[in-house]
Amino acid sequence: MDMEGVDMCPEHAKEKKKIEFYCKDHSKFCCIECRVKHKKCDRVEKLADATTDKWPELHALKQSLLTLESGADAILAE
């Protein structure tokens, strides 16, 4: 599914780095570049390894982001 850039790391979007990890210590999504900064964090998960019980939460987050993007587009169009 094309995420239209929503799955890109905010800090490394120019390098087209996709979000691959979630640091629970900092409540932050990370790309492979950011992962280096979080190497001392105890609770960093690879998104691909997330258990099935977390997928509904991630799906809800994705839907929220898409809704926010749509709202922002509507505001800009006004």
PDB file of N, CA and C in Angstrom:
ATOM      1  N   MET A   1       0.845  -1.178   0.000  1.00  0.00           N
ATOM      2  CA  MET A   1       0.000   0.000   0.000  1.00  0.00           C
ATOM      3  C   MET A   1       0.893   1.245   0.000  1.00  0.00           C
ATOM      4  N   ASP A   2       0.579   2.188  -0.859  1.00  0.00           N
ATOM      5  CA  ASP A   2       1.339   3.433  -0.921  1.00  0.00           C
ATOM      6  C   ASP A   2       0.904   4.321   0.234  1.00  0.00           C
ATOM      7  N   MET A   3       1.846   4.635   1.101  1.00  0.00           N
ATOM      8  CA  MET A   3       1.549   5.459   2.277  1.00  0.00           C
ATOM      9  C   MET A   3       1.752   6.942   1.988  1.00  0.00           C
ATOM     10  N   GLU A   4       2.097   7.269   0.752  1.00  0.00           N
ATOM     11  CA  GLU A   4       2.262   8.663   0.322  1.00  0.00           C
ATOM     12  C   GLU A   4       3.198   9.448   1.248  1.00  0.00           C
ATOM     13  N   GLY A   5       4.252   8.809   1.680  1.00  0.00           N
ATOM     14  CA  GLY A   5       5.255   9.477   2.496  1.00  0.00           C
ATOM     15  C   GLY A   5       4.998   9.477   3.985  1.00  0.00           C
ATOM     16  N   VAL A   6       3.823   9.025   4.407  1.00  0.00           N
ATOM     17  CA  VAL A   6       3.506   9.017   5.838  1.00  0.00           C
ATOM     18  C   VAL A   6       4.401   8.036   6.590  1.00  0.00           C
ATOM     19  N   ASP A   7       4.913   7.046   5.877  1.00  0.00           N
ATOM     20  CA  ASP A   7       5.776   6.051   6.507  1.00  0.00           C
ATOM     21  C   ASP A   7       7.254   6.444   6.481  1.00  0.00           C
ATOM     22  N   MET A   8       7.535   7.665   6.083  1.00  0.00           N
ATOM     23  CA  MET A   8       8.910   8.146   6.036  1.00  0.00           C
ATOM     24  C   MET A   8       9.307   8.766   7.379  1.00  0.00           C
ATOM     25  N   CYS A   9      10.551   8.582   7.729  1.00  0.00           N
ATOM     26  CA  CYS A   9      11.090   9.164   8.953  1.00  0.00           C
ATOM     27  C   CYS A   9      11.086  10.686   8.826  1.00  0.00           C
ATOM     28  N   PRO A  10      10.506  11.394   9.789  1.00  0.00           N
ATOM     29  CA  PRO A  10      10.478  12.852   9.712  1.00  0.00           C
ATOM     30  C   PRO A  10      11.877  13.475   9.666  1.00  0.00           C
ATOM     31  N   GLU A  11      12.829  12.852  10.323  1.00  0.00           N
ATOM     32  CA  GLU A  11      14.189  13.390  10.350  1.00  0.00           C
ATOM     33  C   GLU A  11      15.003  13.044   9.115  1.00  0.00           C
ATOM     34  N   HIS A  12      14.626  11.970   8.427  1.00  0.00           N
ATOM     35  CA  HIS A  12      15.409  11.500   7.286  1.00  0.00           C
ATOM     36  C   HIS A  12      14.558  11.276   6.042  1.00  0.00           C
ATOM     37  N   ALA A  13      13.486  12.029   5.894  1.00  0.00           N
ATOM     38  CA  ALA A  13      12.607  11.880   4.743  1.00  0.00           C
ATOM     39  C   ALA A  13      13.322  12.243   3.439  1.00  0.00           C
ATOM     40  N   LYS A  14      14.226  13.208   3.509  1.00  0.00           N
ATOM     41  CA  LYS A  14      14.960  13.614   2.299  1.00  0.00           C
ATOM     42  C   LYS A  14      15.798  12.463   1.751  1.00  0.00           C
ATOM     43  N   GLU A  15      16.283  11.621   2.664  1.00  0.00           N
ATOM     44  CA  GLU A  15      17.062  10.453   2.246  1.00  0.00           C
ATOM     45  C   GLU A  15      16.161   9.258   1.958  1.00  0.00           C
ATOM     46  N   LYS A  16      14.843   9.489   2.041  1.00  0.00           N
ATOM     47  CA  LYS A  16      13.824   8.454   1.787  1.00  0.00           C
ATOM     48  C   LYS A  16      13.982   7.241   2.705  1.00  0.00           C
ATOM     49  N   LYS A  17      14.250   7.532   3.975  1.00  0.00           N
ATOM     50  CA  LYS A  17      14.365   6.467   4.973  1.00  0.00           C
ATOM     51  C   LYS A  17      12.985   6.186   5.552  1.00  0.00           C
ATOM     52  N   LYS A  18      12.560   4.937   5.468  1.00  0.00           N
ATOM     53  CA  LYS A  18      11.251   4.545   5.987  1.00  0.00           C
ATOM     54  C   LYS A  18      11.342   4.200   7.467  1.00  0.00           C
ATOM     55  N   ILE A  19      10.241   4.411   8.152  1.00  0.00           N
ATOM     56  CA  ILE A  19      10.139   4.047   9.562  1.00  0.00           C
ATOM     57  C   ILE A  19      10.189   2.528   9.659  1.00  0.00           C
ATOM     58  N   GLU A  20      11.095   2.022  10.483  1.00  0.00           N
ATOM     59  CA  GLU A  20      11.251   0.581  10.664  1.00  0.00           C
ATOM     60  C   GLU A  20      11.175   0.148  12.121  1.00  0.00           C
ATOM     61  N   PHE A  21      11.347   1.103  13.047  1.00  0.00           N
ATOM     62  CA  PHE A  21      11.410   0.781  14.475  1.00  0.00           C
ATOM     63  C   PHE A  21      10.508   1.708  15.276  1.00  0.00           C
ATOM     64  N   TYR A  22      10.205   1.275  16.492  1.00  0.00           N
ATOM     65  CA  TYR A  22       9.486   2.122  17.438  1.00  0.00           C
ATOM     66  C   TYR A  22      10.236   2.065  18.761  1.00  0.00           C
ATOM     67  N   CYS A  23      10.655   3.238  19.252  1.00  0.00           N
ATOM     68  CA  CYS A  23      11.328   3.330  20.544  1.00  0.00           C
ATOM     69  C   CYS A  23      10.271   3.647  21.599  1.00  0.00           C
ATOM     70  N   LYS A  24      10.007   2.673  22.450  1.00  0.00           N
ATOM     71  CA  LYS A  24       9.021   2.873  23.511  1.00  0.00           C
ATOM     72  C   LYS A  24       9.543   3.804  24.596  1.00  0.00           C
ATOM     73  N   ASP A  25      10.853   3.838  24.767  1.00  0.00           N
ATOM     74  CA  ASP A  25      11.441   4.719  25.779  1.00  0.00           C
ATOM     75  C   ASP A  25      11.171   6.187  25.457  1.00  0.00           C
ATOM     76  N   HIS A  26      11.156   6.534  24.174  1.00  0.00           N
ATOM     77  CA  HIS A  26      10.944   7.914  23.753  1.00  0.00           C
ATOM     78  C   HIS A  26       9.608   8.124  23.026  1.00  0.00           C
ATOM     79  N   SER A  27       8.799   7.065  22.896  1.00  0.00           N
ATOM     80  CA  SER A  27       7.525   7.118  22.166  1.00  0.00           C
ATOM     81  C   SER A  27       7.728   7.736  20.783  1.00  0.00           C
ATOM     82  N   LYS A  28       8.662   7.135  20.046  1.00  0.00           N
ATOM     83  CA  LYS A  28       9.049   7.714  18.764  1.00  0.00           C
ATOM     84  C   LYS A  28       9.296   6.621  17.732  1.00  0.00           C
ATOM     85  N   PHE A  29       8.787   6.870  16.499  1.00  0.00           N
ATOM     86  CA  PHE A  29       9.085   5.982  15.385  1.00  0.00           C
ATOM     87  C   PHE A  29      10.459   6.333  14.850  1.00  0.00           C
ATOM     88  N   CYS A  30      11.208   5.323  14.391  1.00  0.00           N
ATOM     89  CA  CYS A  30      12.586   5.519  13.964  1.00  0.00           C
ATOM     90  C   CYS A  30      12.870   4.792  12.650  1.00  0.00           C
ATOM     91  N   CYS A  31      13.766   5.370  11.869  1.00  0.00           N
ATOM     92  CA  CYS A  31      14.315   4.681  10.705  1.00  0.00           C
ATOM     93  C   CYS A  31      15.615   4.003  11.144  1.00  0.00           C
ATOM     94  N   ILE A  32      16.288   3.358  10.222  1.00  0.00           N
ATOM     95  CA  ILE A  32      17.536   2.675  10.558  1.00  0.00           C
ATOM     96  C   ILE A  32      18.609   3.671  11.016  1.00  0.00           C
ATOM     97  N   GLU A  33      18.588   4.875  10.448  1.00  0.00           N
ATOM     98  CA  GLU A  33      19.549   5.906  10.858  1.00  0.00           C
ATOM     99  C   GLU A  33      19.277   6.344  12.306  1.00  0.00           C
ATOM    100  N   CYS A  34      18.022   6.564  12.626  1.00  0.00           N
ATOM    101  CA  CYS A  34      17.657   6.988  13.982  1.00  0.00           C
ATOM    102  C   CYS A  34      17.919   5.878  14.997  1.00  0.00           C
ATOM    103  N   ARG A  35      17.823   4.652  14.563  1.00  0.00           N
ATOM    104  CA  ARG A  35      18.014   3.508  15.459  1.00  0.00           C
ATOM    105  C   ARG A  35      19.377   3.587  16.151  1.00  0.00           C
ATOM    106  N   VAL A  36      20.365   4.102  15.431  1.00  0.00           N
ATOM    107  CA  VAL A  36      21.704   4.243  16.009  1.00  0.00           C
ATOM    108  C   VAL A  36      21.648   5.162  17.234  1.00  0.00           C
ATOM    109  N   LYS A  37      20.844   6.225  17.159  1.00  0.00           N
ATOM    110  CA  LYS A  37      20.711   7.153  18.284  1.00  0.00           C
ATOM    111  C   LYS A  37      20.038   6.498  19.480  1.00  0.00           C
ATOM    112  N   HIS A  38      19.233   5.470  19.213  1.00  0.00           N
ATOM    113  CA  HIS A  38      18.462   4.815  20.269  1.00  0.00           C
ATOM    114  C   HIS A  38      19.079   3.469  20.680  1.00  0.00           C
ATOM    115  N   LYS A  39      20.352   3.265  20.363  1.00  0.00           N
ATOM    116  CA  LYS A  39      20.961   1.966  20.652  1.00  0.00           C
ATOM    117  C   LYS A  39      21.042   1.658  22.138  1.00  0.00           C
ATOM    118  N   LYS A  40      21.046   2.674  22.984  1.00  0.00           N
ATOM    119  CA  LYS A  40      21.084   2.441  24.428  1.00  0.00           C
ATOM    120  C   LYS A  40      19.691   2.289  25.034  1.00  0.00           C
ATOM    121  N   CYS A  41      18.678   2.545  24.235  1.00  0.00           N
ATOM    122  CA  CYS A  41      17.298   2.390  24.727  1.00  0.00           C
ATOM    123  C   CYS A  41      16.986   0.909  24.904  1.00  0.00           C
ATOM    124  N   ASP A  42      16.237   0.609  25.947  1.00  0.00           N
ATOM    125  CA  ASP A  42      15.915  -0.786  26.254  1.00  0.00           C
ATOM    126  C   ASP A  42      14.718  -1.320  25.482  1.00  0.00           C
ATOM    127  N   ARG A  43      13.848  -0.420  25.062  1.00  0.00           N
ATOM    128  CA  ARG A  43      12.583  -0.885  24.479  1.00  0.00           C
ATOM    129  C   ARG A  43      12.403  -0.350  23.053  1.00  0.00           C
ATOM    130  N   VAL A  44      13.200  -0.872  22.128  1.00  0.00           N
ATOM    131  CA  VAL A  44      13.080  -0.529  20.716  1.00  0.00           C
ATOM    132  C   VAL A  44      12.639  -1.785  19.977  1.00  0.00           C
ATOM    133  N   GLU A  45      11.552  -1.677  19.236  1.00  0.00           N
ATOM    134  CA  GLU A  45      11.005  -2.828  18.516  1.00  0.00           C
ATOM    135  C   GLU A  45      11.072  -2.590  17.019  1.00  0.00           C
ATOM    136  N   LYS A  46      11.370  -3.630  16.283  1.00  0.00           N
ATOM    137  CA  LYS A  46      11.271  -3.573  14.835  1.00  0.00           C
ATOM    138  C   LYS A  46       9.790  -3.753  14.496  1.00  0.00           C
ATOM    139  N   LEU A  47       9.242  -2.855  13.686  1.00  0.00           N
ATOM    140  CA  LEU A  47       7.811  -2.907  13.387  1.00  0.00           C
ATOM    141  C   LEU A  47       7.407  -4.215  12.730  1.00  0.00           C
ATOM    142  N   ALA A  48       8.266  -4.747  11.883  1.00  0.00           N
ATOM    143  CA  ALA A  48       7.938  -6.004  11.207  1.00  0.00           C
ATOM    144  C   ALA A  48       7.795  -7.161  12.196  1.00  0.00           C
ATOM    145  N   ASP A  49       8.420  -7.037  13.359  1.00  0.00           N
ATOM    146  CA  ASP A  49       8.354  -8.088  14.369  1.00  0.00           C
ATOM    147  C   ASP A  49       7.227  -7.877  15.376  1.00  0.00           C
ATOM    148  N   ALA A  50       6.469  -6.821  15.200  1.00  0.00           N
ATOM    149  CA  ALA A  50       5.380  -6.534  16.143  1.00  0.00           C
ATOM    150  C   ALA A  50       4.396  -7.704  16.152  1.00  0.00           C
ATOM    151  N   THR A  51       3.941  -8.053  17.318  1.00  0.00           N
ATOM    152  CA  THR A  51       3.003  -9.165  17.417  1.00  0.00           C
ATOM    153  C   THR A  51       1.640  -8.754  16.890  1.00  0.00           C
ATOM    154  N   THR A  52       0.840  -9.719  16.566  1.00  0.00           N
ATOM    155  CA  THR A  52      -0.462  -9.451  15.951  1.00  0.00           C
ATOM    156  C   THR A  52      -1.377  -8.625  16.840  1.00  0.00           C
ATOM    157  N   ASP A  53      -1.178  -8.662  18.152  1.00  0.00           N
ATOM    158  CA  ASP A  53      -2.037  -7.868  19.026  1.00  0.00           C
ATOM    159  C   ASP A  53      -1.741  -6.375  18.901  1.00  0.00           C
ATOM    160  N   LYS A  54      -0.618  -5.998  18.313  1.00  0.00           N
ATOM    161  CA  LYS A  54      -0.272  -4.587  18.131  1.00  0.00           C
ATOM    162  C   LYS A  54      -0.744  -4.047  16.790  1.00  0.00           C
ATOM    163  N   TRP A  55      -1.066  -4.910  15.841  1.00  0.00           N
ATOM    164  CA  TRP A  55      -1.465  -4.431  14.522  1.00  0.00           C
ATOM    165  C   TRP A  55      -2.703  -3.549  14.558  1.00  0.00           C
ATOM    166  N   PRO A  56      -3.730  -3.843  15.365  1.00  0.00           N
ATOM    167  CA  PRO A  56      -4.872  -2.921  15.410  1.00  0.00           C
ATOM    168  C   PRO A  56      -4.477  -1.514  15.866  1.00  0.00           C
ATOM    169  N   GLU A  57      -3.563  -1.425  16.820  1.00  0.00           N
ATOM    170  CA  GLU A  57      -3.090  -0.124  17.294  1.00  0.00           C
ATOM    171  C   GLU A  57      -2.344   0.620  16.178  1.00  0.00           C
ATOM    172  N   LEU A  58      -1.496  -0.101  15.459  1.00  0.00           N
ATOM    173  CA  LEU A  58      -0.756   0.505  14.359  1.00  0.00           C
ATOM    174  C   LEU A  58      -1.695   0.913  13.225  1.00  0.00           C
ATOM    175  N   HIS A  59      -2.685   0.092  12.962  1.00  0.00           N
ATOM    176  CA  HIS A  59      -3.665   0.422  11.922  1.00  0.00           C
ATOM    177  C   HIS A  59      -4.448   1.674  12.319  1.00  0.00           C
ATOM    178  N   ALA A  60      -4.831   1.769  13.569  1.00  0.00           N
ATOM    179  CA  ALA A  60      -5.553   2.952  14.049  1.00  0.00           C
ATOM    180  C   ALA A  60      -4.677   4.196  13.928  1.00  0.00           C
ATOM    181  N   LEU A  61      -3.399   4.055  14.225  1.00  0.00           N
ATOM    182  CA  LEU A  61      -2.474   5.175  14.086  1.00  0.00           C
ATOM    183  C   LEU A  61      -2.371   5.604  12.627  1.00  0.00           C
ATOM    184  N   LYS A  62      -2.265   4.641  11.737  1.00  0.00           N
ATOM    185  CA  LYS A  62      -2.181   4.947  10.310  1.00  0.00           C
ATOM    186  C   LYS A  62      -3.442   5.680   9.853  1.00  0.00           C
ATOM    187  N   GLN A  63      -4.593   5.211  10.295  1.00  0.00           N
ATOM    188  CA  GLN A  63      -5.850   5.862   9.923  1.00  0.00           C
ATOM    189  C   GLN A  63      -5.914   7.286  10.463  1.00  0.00           C
ATOM    190  N   SER A  64      -5.447   7.470  11.670  1.00  0.00           N
ATOM    191  CA  SER A  64      -5.415   8.815  12.257  1.00  0.00           C
ATOM    192  C   SER A  64      -4.521   9.744  11.456  1.00  0.00           C
ATOM    193  N   LEU A  65      -3.359   9.239  11.052  1.00  0.00           N
ATOM    194  CA  LEU A  65      -2.444  10.046  10.255  1.00  0.00           C
ATOM    195  C   LEU A  65      -3.046  10.411   8.900  1.00  0.00           C
ATOM    196  N   LEU A  66      -3.717   9.462   8.278  1.00  0.00           N
ATOM    197  CA  LEU A  66      -4.355   9.739   6.996  1.00  0.00           C
ATOM    198  C   LEU A  66      -5.490  10.747   7.145  1.00  0.00           C
ATOM    199  N   THR A  67      -6.234  10.655   8.231  1.00  0.00           N
ATOM    200  CA  THR A  67      -7.306  11.612   8.499  1.00  0.00           C
ATOM    201  C   THR A  67      -6.742  13.008   8.722  1.00  0.00           C
ATOM    202  N   LEU A  68      -5.674  13.096   9.496  1.00  0.00           N
ATOM    203  CA  LEU A  68      -5.020  14.385   9.736  1.00  0.00           C
ATOM    204  C   LEU A  68      -4.484  14.976   8.432  1.00  0.00           C
ATOM    205  N   GLU A  69      -3.903  14.137   7.611  1.00  0.00           N
ATOM    206  CA  GLU A  69      -3.386  14.617   6.324  1.00  0.00           C
ATOM    207  C   GLU A  69      -4.514  15.139   5.442  1.00  0.00           C
ATOM    208  N   SER A  70      -5.618  14.427   5.438  1.00  0.00           N
ATOM    209  CA  SER A  70      -6.772  14.858   4.649  1.00  0.00           C
ATOM    210  C   SER A  70      -7.323  16.190   5.168  1.00  0.00           C
ATOM    211  N   GLY A  71      -7.392  16.319   6.478  1.00  0.00           N
ATOM    212  CA  GLY A  71      -7.849  17.576   7.078  1.00  0.00           C
ATOM    213  C   GLY A  71      -6.923  18.732   6.752  1.00  0.00           C
ATOM    214  N   ALA A  72      -5.625  18.472   6.783  1.00  0.00           N
ATOM    215  CA  ALA A  72      -4.646  19.504   6.448  1.00  0.00           C
ATOM    216  C   ALA A  72      -4.775  19.914   4.988  1.00  0.00           C
ATOM    217  N   ASP A  73      -4.997  18.951   4.118  1.00  0.00           N
ATOM    218  CA  ASP A  73      -5.189  19.251   2.693  1.00  0.00           C
ATOM    219  C   ASP A  73      -6.440  20.131   2.488  1.00  0.00           C
ATOM    220  N   ALA A  74      -7.511  19.827   3.231  1.00  0.00           N
ATOM    221  CA  ALA A  74      -8.737  20.621   3.120  1.00  0.00           C
ATOM    222  C   ALA A  74      -8.519  22.047   3.591  1.00  0.00           C
ATOM    223  N   ILE A  75      -7.773  22.207   4.678  1.00  0.00           N
ATOM    224  CA  ILE A  75      -7.469  23.547   5.191  1.00  0.00           C
ATOM    225  C   ILE A  75      -6.647  24.330   4.173  1.00  0.00           C
ATOM    226  N   LEU A  76      -5.651  23.670   3.589  1.00  0.00           N
ATOM    227  CA  LEU A  76      -4.814  24.331   2.587  1.00  0.00           C
ATOM    228  C   LEU A  76      -5.627  24.703   1.337  1.00  0.00           C
ATOM    229  N   ALA A  77      -6.582  23.880   0.985  1.00  0.00           N
ATOM    230  CA  ALA A  77      -7.423  24.146  -0.182  1.00  0.00           C
ATOM    231  C   ALA A  77      -8.320  25.347   0.046  1.00  0.00           C
ATOM    232  N   GLU A  78      -8.722  25.570   1.294  1.00  0.00           N
ATOM    233  CA  GLU A  78      -9.576  26.716   1.641  1.00  0.00           C
ATOM    234  C   GLU A  78      -8.782  27.980   1.476  1.00  0.00           C
TER     235      GLU A  78
END
